Amino acid sequence: MDAIFRNLTRFFALLVFSLLAAILVSLLVASTHSMHKFGLGFLVNENWDPVQEDFGALVPIVGTPRDLRHRARHRHSGELRHRGLLTELSPVWLRRPLGTAIEMLAAIPSIIYGMWGLFIFAPLFQQYAQPFLQKTLGRIPGLGISSPGRRSASACSPRASSSP
């Protein structure tokens, strides 16, 4: 029985790696036209101008790991705040409705939070909060850049705190 399980596990592990290799080959084959047209400079170019057909992937390549680090750093603090609020600070009659609300927030996919942040929060932040902060505190490096990471971290927070 152990030999059957070992061979079955080995087969599925090889299947997963084979599928990964097939996906990579498929991506390389499908991107040959783009590579010939734009070259490898595409990877270090930060412009994205469809009108001039000037495309660059530097911002998503650098921004994605930065956003993930930001999420990982700030997610746990939100989780601890939610759990502390539910267990220590909330009255007994409020714990269940508040826990249910956090569960409902966790059920909403993070893309919805991201789209809300992009179309609702970012313009309001840019129009009202950012000018006020720049007038009172001066120019703050990274003020506009780090706000998406904070939104992403807050989107992860309900999901993290809803898990047992």
Protein backbone atom coordinates (compact mmCIF):
# COMPACT_ATOMS: atom_id res chain seq x y z
CA MET A 1 0.00 0.00 0.00
CA ASP A 2 2.88 2.38 0.81
CA ALA A 3 4.48 1.75 -2.58
CA ILE A 4 1.20 2.55 -4.35
CA PHE A 5 0.80 5.77 -2.36
CA ARG A 6 4.45 6.75 -2.95
CA ASN A 7 4.19 6.16 -6.71
CA LEU A 8 0.83 7.96 -6.92
CA THR A 9 2.26 10.94 -5.04
CA ARG A 10 5.35 10.94 -7.27
CA PHE A 11 3.10 10.84 -10.38
CA PHE A 12 1.04 13.84 -9.25
CA ALA A 13 4.16 15.78 -8.24
CA LEU A 14 5.60 15.21 -11.71
CA LEU A 15 2.25 16.15 -13.23
CA VAL A 16 2.26 19.47 -11.38
CA PHE A 17 5.82 20.25 -12.54
CA SER A 18 4.94 19.19 -16.09
CA LEU A 19 1.93 21.49 -16.11
CA LEU A 20 4.08 24.35 -14.80
CA ALA A 21 6.65 23.73 -17.53
CA ALA A 22 3.88 23.60 -20.15
CA ILE A 23 2.48 26.92 -18.92
CA LEU A 24 5.93 28.53 -19.08
CA VAL A 25 6.55 27.21 -22.61
CA SER A 26 3.10 28.39 -23.67
CA LEU A 27 3.79 31.87 -22.27
CA LEU A 28 7.15 32.05 -24.03
CA VAL A 29 5.68 30.94 -27.36
CA ALA A 30 2.76 33.37 -27.08
CA SER A 31 5.06 36.27 -26.18
CA THR A 32 7.53 35.89 -29.07
CA HIS A 33 5.69 38.46 -31.20
CA SER A 34 5.77 41.00 -28.36
CA MET A 35 9.43 40.27 -27.61
CA HIS A 36 10.38 40.88 -31.24
CA LYS A 37 8.37 44.10 -31.40
CA PHE A 38 9.28 45.63 -28.01
CA GLY A 39 12.49 43.83 -27.11
CA LEU A 40 13.70 42.96 -23.63
CA GLY A 41 13.71 46.68 -22.78
CA PHE A 42 10.06 46.10 -22.01
CA LEU A 43 11.13 44.63 -18.67
CA VAL A 44 13.01 47.77 -17.54
CA ASN A 45 10.78 50.44 -19.10
CA GLU A 46 8.31 52.11 -16.73
CA ASN A 47 6.20 53.91 -19.36
CA TRP A 48 2.77 52.65 -20.33
CA ASP A 49 1.42 54.65 -23.25
CA PRO A 50 -0.91 52.69 -25.54
CA VAL A 51 -1.32 55.66 -27.88
CA GLN A 52 2.42 55.76 -28.65
CA GLU A 53 2.69 51.97 -28.30
CA ASP A 54 5.32 52.40 -25.60
CA PHE A 55 4.85 49.63 -23.07
CA GLY A 56 6.87 48.81 -20.00
CA ALA A 57 6.49 46.27 -17.22
CA LEU A 58 8.83 47.75 -14.62
CA VAL A 59 6.10 49.23 -12.42
CA PRO A 60 4.09 45.98 -12.07
CA ILE A 61 7.29 43.93 -11.68
CA VAL A 62 8.58 46.14 -8.87
CA GLY A 63 5.17 47.07 -7.45
CA THR A 64 3.78 43.57 -6.99
CA PRO A 65 6.47 42.30 -4.57
CA ARG A 66 6.43 45.67 -2.80
CA ASP A 67 2.67 45.44 -2.37
CA LEU A 68 2.94 41.86 -1.11
CA ARG A 69 5.60 42.85 1.46
CA HIS A 70 3.40 45.74 2.57
CA ARG A 71 0.39 43.42 2.90
CA ALA A 72 2.34 40.87 4.90
CA ARG A 73 3.69 43.54 7.23
CA HIS A 74 0.34 45.17 7.97
CA ARG A 75 -2.08 42.27 7.76
CA HIS A 76 -1.23 40.78 11.13
CA SER A 77 -1.70 44.04 13.00
CA GLY A 78 -5.25 44.30 11.61
CA GLU A 79 -5.92 40.68 12.51
CA LEU A 80 -4.79 41.27 16.08
CA ARG A 81 -6.90 44.42 16.34
CA HIS A 82 -10.00 42.58 15.12
CA ARG A 83 -9.50 39.62 17.40
CA GLY A 84 -8.70 41.87 20.36
CA LEU A 85 -11.79 43.93 19.67
CA LEU A 86 -13.98 40.83 19.48
CA THR A 87 -12.61 39.05 22.52
CA GLU A 88 -11.52 41.78 24.91
CA LEU A 89 -13.27 45.05 24.19
CA SER A 90 -16.67 44.19 22.75
CA PRO A 91 -19.61 43.58 25.04
CA VAL A 92 -20.99 40.05 24.82
CA TRP A 93 -24.14 41.14 22.93
CA LEU A 94 -22.00 42.83 20.20
CA ARG A 95 -19.49 40.02 19.62
CA ARG A 96 -21.66 37.88 17.36
CA PRO A 97 -22.93 40.68 15.05
CA LEU A 98 -19.47 42.20 14.83
CA GLY A 99 -17.91 38.81 14.11
CA THR A 100 -20.54 38.19 11.44
CA ALA A 101 -19.79 41.58 9.85
CA ILE A 102 -16.08 40.73 9.74
CA GLU A 103 -16.91 37.35 8.19
CA MET A 104 -19.01 39.10 5.53
CA LEU A 105 -16.13 41.47 4.76
CA ALA A 106 -13.84 38.46 4.42
CA ALA A 107 -16.22 36.89 1.89
CA ILE A 108 -15.86 39.82 -0.51
CA PRO A 109 -12.98 39.19 -2.92
CA SER A 110 -10.05 41.57 -2.54
CA ILE A 111 -10.45 42.70 -6.17
CA ILE A 112 -13.67 44.42 -5.11
CA TYR A 113 -11.78 46.30 -2.38
CA GLY A 114 -9.10 47.19 -4.91
CA MET A 115 -11.59 48.51 -7.45
CA TRP A 116 -13.35 50.47 -4.71
CA GLY A 117 -10.02 51.93 -3.67
CA LEU A 118 -9.07 52.79 -7.24
CA PHE A 119 -12.34 54.40 -8.29
CA ILE A 120 -13.71 55.80 -5.01
CA PHE A 121 -10.99 56.15 -2.37
CA ALA A 122 -8.04 57.22 -4.54
CA PRO A 123 -9.80 60.20 -6.21
CA LEU A 124 -11.15 61.39 -2.84
CA PHE A 125 -7.74 60.97 -1.24
CA GLN A 126 -6.07 62.77 -4.13
CA GLN A 127 -8.58 65.63 -4.13
CA TYR A 128 -9.00 66.28 -0.41
CA ALA A 129 -6.54 64.50 1.87
CA GLN A 130 -3.35 64.72 -0.18
CA PRO A 131 -3.45 68.54 -0.75
CA PHE A 132 -4.29 69.10 2.93
CA LEU A 133 -1.44 66.87 4.07
CA GLN A 134 1.00 68.50 1.64
CA LYS A 135 0.01 71.99 2.83
CA THR A 136 0.33 71.13 6.51
CA LEU A 137 3.25 68.67 6.46
CA GLY A 138 5.02 69.59 3.23
CA ARG A 139 5.86 67.12 0.50
CA ILE A 140 5.81 63.58 1.87
CA PRO A 141 7.77 61.11 -0.27
CA GLY A 142 5.70 58.07 -1.22
CA LEU A 143 2.39 59.47 0.01
CA GLY A 144 0.57 58.54 -3.17
CA ILE A 145 2.53 55.34 -3.71
CA SER A 146 2.01 53.63 -0.36
CA SER A 147 -1.74 54.18 -0.07
CA PRO A 148 -2.59 51.22 -2.38
CA GLY A 149 -0.51 48.96 -0.13
CA ARG A 150 -2.46 50.14 2.91
CA ARG A 151 -5.72 49.45 1.09
CA SER A 152 -4.48 45.98 0.15
CA ALA A 153 -3.44 45.27 3.72
CA SER A 154 -6.82 46.34 5.02
CA ALA A 155 -8.50 44.12 2.41
CA CYS A 156 -6.55 41.11 3.70
CA SER A 157 -7.23 41.92 7.31
CA PRO A 158 -10.87 40.76 7.60
CA ARG A 159 -10.07 37.49 5.87
CA ALA A 160 -7.17 36.85 8.21
CA SER A 161 -9.11 37.66 11.33
CA SER A 162 -12.11 35.58 10.29
CA SER A 163 -10.10 32.37 10.15
CA PRO A 164 -10.02 30.30 13.34
